[in-house]
Amino acid sequence: EILMNFRSTDPKTREPNERKALYINLYNATILDLVLVANPRGSIKELSKGLNPLEIFSRDGLHFDQKMISLNDLEKRLREEFKDPRIHFAVNCASKSCPSIRSVPYVAASLDAQLDEATRAYLASPDAVEVRMDGGRPTIVTVKIFDWYAGDFKASGGPLAFIQKFGPPVAADAIAGGRAKLVFAEYDWGLNSAK
């Protein structure tokens, strides 16, 4: 029922923050529905067809805004329309390296605070950001999201500046020195669990 409400909402009639919240909630509800219905054992990639292990994200299976779209289409729309890198920490792909799905939906009235909270919570989670010292120079080891979507972080000064602003204090301190380098950890596509 919730998914049907999201799908039947006309985005053109909504204010920008209402549209942004709608897209995030629709994405997360669709992922949750896919996993609950298909019940993959190890990874959402098990739901993909053919040779592309990420086909599940590019398959047109979502009727929204009077057409069939894919999860990738919805994510691209969200990224291009709003140019807000915090959305990467709000949408969930049902994998261990993804952010958790919030227990309450995103809403326009408190969207900025919710996105800040989701971003900070994710970057503070285990394996999201790690500081290692490499011959006296700090290395920030973080998730591939910052690599795959590097362009989305340019307006905020790049991945390191974004991590300095939203990440754990130890990472912010290491980056503040100006010598930190960035390394990306492998993405864990293992199925995440409810938290």
Protein backbone atom coordinates (compact mmCIF):
# COMPACT_ATOMS: atom_id res chain seq x y z
CA GLU A 1 0.00 0.00 0.00
CA ILE A 2 2.81 2.44 0.87
CA LEU A 3 4.63 1.58 -2.34
CA MET A 4 1.46 2.15 -4.36
CA ASN A 5 1.00 5.57 -2.74
CA PHE A 6 4.55 6.59 -3.65
CA ARG A 7 4.18 5.29 -7.23
CA SER A 8 0.89 7.07 -7.82
CA THR A 9 2.09 10.46 -6.59
CA ASP A 10 2.51 13.05 -9.34
CA PRO A 11 5.95 14.59 -8.77
CA LYS A 12 5.19 17.66 -10.91
CA THR A 13 2.67 18.89 -8.34
CA ARG A 14 5.17 18.73 -5.47
CA GLU A 15 7.57 21.27 -4.05
CA PRO A 16 11.30 20.42 -4.49
CA ASN A 17 11.83 18.96 -1.00
CA GLU A 18 8.61 16.95 -1.34
CA ARG A 19 9.88 15.53 -4.66
CA LYS A 20 13.29 14.74 -3.18
CA ALA A 21 11.71 12.93 -0.22
CA LEU A 22 9.31 11.13 -2.57
CA TYR A 23 12.13 9.83 -4.80
CA ILE A 24 14.20 8.64 -1.83
CA ASN A 25 11.22 6.94 -0.18
CA LEU A 26 10.10 5.34 -3.46
CA TYR A 27 13.61 4.01 -4.12
CA ASN A 28 13.92 2.54 -0.63
CA ALA A 29 10.39 1.10 -0.62
CA THR A 30 11.01 -0.54 -4.01
CA ILE A 31 14.28 -2.12 -2.81
CA LEU A 32 12.58 -3.36 0.34
CA ASP A 33 9.70 -4.80 -1.71
CA LEU A 34 12.10 -6.57 -4.11
CA VAL A 35 14.02 -8.18 -1.28
CA LEU A 36 10.96 -9.19 0.73
CA VAL A 37 9.18 -10.70 -2.28
CA ALA A 38 12.12 -12.44 -3.98
CA ASN A 39 14.00 -13.33 -0.76
CA PRO A 40 17.57 -13.53 -2.12
CA ARG A 41 19.91 -15.52 0.11
CA GLY A 42 23.26 -13.78 -0.22
CA SER A 43 22.97 -10.64 -2.34
CA ILE A 44 20.44 -8.51 -4.18
CA LYS A 45 22.55 -9.25 -7.27
CA GLU A 46 20.97 -12.75 -7.24
CA LEU A 47 17.82 -11.08 -8.60
CA SER A 48 19.64 -9.92 -11.74
CA LYS A 49 19.06 -11.64 -15.07
CA GLY A 50 21.63 -12.33 -17.77
CA LEU A 51 25.33 -11.62 -17.46
CA ASN A 52 25.08 -8.20 -15.82
CA PRO A 53 25.27 -8.76 -12.04
CA LEU A 54 23.65 -5.34 -11.43
CA GLU A 55 20.82 -5.80 -13.96
CA ILE A 56 18.24 -5.61 -11.16
CA PHE A 57 18.99 -1.88 -10.88
CA SER A 58 18.66 -1.18 -14.62
CA ARG A 59 15.53 -3.26 -15.23
CA ASP A 60 12.37 -1.26 -15.97
CA GLY A 61 10.08 -2.51 -13.24
CA LEU A 62 8.75 0.57 -11.57
CA HIS A 63 5.69 2.39 -12.88
CA PHE A 64 6.16 6.02 -11.89
CA ASP A 65 5.28 9.40 -13.37
CA GLN A 66 3.26 7.72 -16.14
CA LYS A 67 6.06 5.51 -17.44
CA MET A 68 8.12 2.46 -16.62
CA ILE A 69 11.50 3.25 -15.12
CA SER A 70 14.35 1.42 -13.39
CA LEU A 71 15.89 2.02 -10.01
CA ASN A 72 18.90 3.51 -11.84
CA ASP A 73 16.55 5.90 -13.66
CA LEU A 74 15.01 6.99 -10.37
CA GLU A 75 18.43 7.46 -8.75
CA LYS A 76 19.69 9.42 -11.79
CA ARG A 77 16.62 11.66 -11.64
CA LEU A 78 17.23 12.27 -7.94
CA ARG A 79 20.92 13.04 -8.48
CA GLU A 80 20.45 15.29 -11.50
CA GLU A 81 17.44 17.21 -10.25
CA PHE A 82 18.77 17.98 -6.78
CA LYS A 83 22.58 17.73 -7.00
CA ASP A 84 22.69 16.84 -3.30
CA PRO A 85 25.40 14.27 -2.51
CA ARG A 86 23.73 13.44 0.80
CA ILE A 87 21.18 11.36 -1.13
CA HIS A 88 23.85 8.67 -1.52
CA PHE A 89 23.53 8.09 2.22
CA ALA A 90 19.73 8.02 2.15
CA VAL A 91 19.04 5.51 -0.64
CA ASN A 92 19.58 1.85 0.14
CA CYS A 93 20.59 -0.92 -2.27
CA ALA A 94 20.07 -3.80 0.20
CA SER A 95 23.81 -4.38 0.56
CA LYS A 96 26.14 -4.28 3.55
CA SER A 97 28.06 -1.31 2.15
CA CYS A 98 24.82 0.66 1.69
CA PRO A 99 23.29 3.02 4.22
CA SER A 100 20.51 1.61 6.38
CA ILE A 101 16.89 2.31 5.55
CA ARG A 102 15.42 4.67 8.11
CA SER A 103 12.57 3.38 10.24
CA VAL A 104 10.55 6.49 9.33
CA PRO A 105 10.15 7.99 5.84
CA TYR A 106 11.83 11.16 4.69
CA VAL A 107 9.53 14.20 4.83
CA ALA A 108 9.88 17.62 3.23
CA ALA A 109 9.50 19.61 6.45
CA SER A 110 12.60 18.09 8.05
CA LEU A 111 14.41 16.73 4.99
CA ASP A 112 17.68 18.66 5.41
CA ALA A 113 18.02 17.55 9.02
CA GLN A 114 17.12 13.96 8.08
CA LEU A 115 19.70 13.91 5.27
CA ASP A 116 22.38 15.36 7.53
CA GLU A 117 21.55 12.76 10.17
CA ALA A 118 21.58 9.88 7.66
CA THR A 119 24.90 11.04 6.20
CA ARG A 120 26.58 11.42 9.59
CA ALA A 121 25.18 8.08 10.82
CA TYR A 122 26.41 6.24 7.75
CA LEU A 123 29.89 7.80 7.78
CA ALA A 124 30.19 6.94 11.49
CA SER A 125 29.22 3.30 10.89
CA PRO A 126 31.87 0.55 10.92
CA ASP A 127 33.79 0.24 7.63
CA ALA A 128 32.44 3.50 6.15
CA VAL A 129 35.47 5.66 7.02
CA GLU A 130 38.74 4.46 8.47
CA VAL A 131 41.88 6.50 9.13
CA ARG A 132 45.22 4.76 8.65
CA MET A 133 48.65 6.28 9.03
CA ASP A 134 51.01 5.59 6.16
CA GLY A 135 54.49 6.86 7.00
CA GLY A 136 53.08 9.81 8.93
CA ARG A 137 50.57 10.66 6.19
CA PRO A 138 46.90 9.91 6.91
CA THR A 139 45.05 7.64 4.51
CA ILE A 140 41.27 7.81 4.53
CA VAL A 141 39.83 4.44 3.55
CA THR A 142 36.19 4.80 2.59
CA VAL A 143 33.40 3.30 0.51
CA LYS A 144 33.26 3.16 -3.28
CA ILE A 145 30.30 5.56 -3.28
CA PHE A 146 32.87 8.37 -3.20
CA ASP A 147 34.65 6.87 -6.21
CA TRP A 148 31.63 5.91 -8.33
CA TYR A 149 29.93 9.27 -7.78
CA ALA A 150 32.98 11.52 -7.36
CA GLY A 151 31.40 14.19 -9.57
CA ASP A 152 28.46 14.50 -7.20
CA PHE A 153 30.84 15.66 -4.45
CA LYS A 154 32.68 18.33 -6.49
CA ALA A 155 30.37 21.19 -5.46
CA SER A 156 31.07 20.40 -1.80
CA GLY A 157 34.84 20.43 -2.35
CA GLY A 158 35.26 16.75 -3.23
CA PRO A 159 35.05 13.53 -1.21
CA LEU A 160 37.66 14.54 1.38
CA ALA A 161 35.96 17.87 2.14
CA PHE A 162 32.61 16.09 2.37
CA ILE A 163 34.03 13.47 4.76
CA GLN A 164 35.65 16.26 6.80
CA LYS A 165 32.26 17.95 7.16
CA PHE A 166 30.07 14.90 7.82
CA GLY A 167 32.44 12.13 8.88
CA PRO A 168 33.74 11.13 12.30
CA PRO A 169 35.97 13.63 14.16
CA VAL A 170 39.07 11.45 13.77
CA ALA A 171 38.69 11.60 9.97
CA ALA A 172 37.94 15.34 10.03
CA ASP A 173 41.11 15.96 12.05
CA ALA A 174 43.22 13.83 9.70
CA ILE A 175 41.86 15.62 6.64
CA ALA A 176 42.30 19.07 8.21
CA GLY A 177 46.08 18.71 7.98
CA GLY A 178 45.82 18.83 4.19
CA ARG A 179 47.97 15.77 3.53
CA ALA A 180 45.36 13.02 3.63
CA LYS A 181 44.98 10.70 0.69
CA LEU A 182 41.84 8.80 -0.24
CA VAL A 183 41.58 5.04 -0.82
CA PHE A 184 38.40 3.16 -1.66
CA ALA A 185 37.49 -0.14 0.00
CA GLU A 186 35.80 -2.91 -1.95
CA TYR A 187 32.03 -2.65 -1.96
CA ASP A 188 30.30 -5.41 0.01
CA TRP A 189 27.27 -6.52 -2.01
CA GLY A 190 26.31 -9.07 0.67
CA LEU A 191 22.70 -8.74 1.71
CA ASN A 192 22.31 -6.38 4.62
CA SER A 193 20.07 -7.14 7.56
CA ALA A 194 17.42 -5.12 9.31
CA LYS A 195 18.88 -2.86 11.96
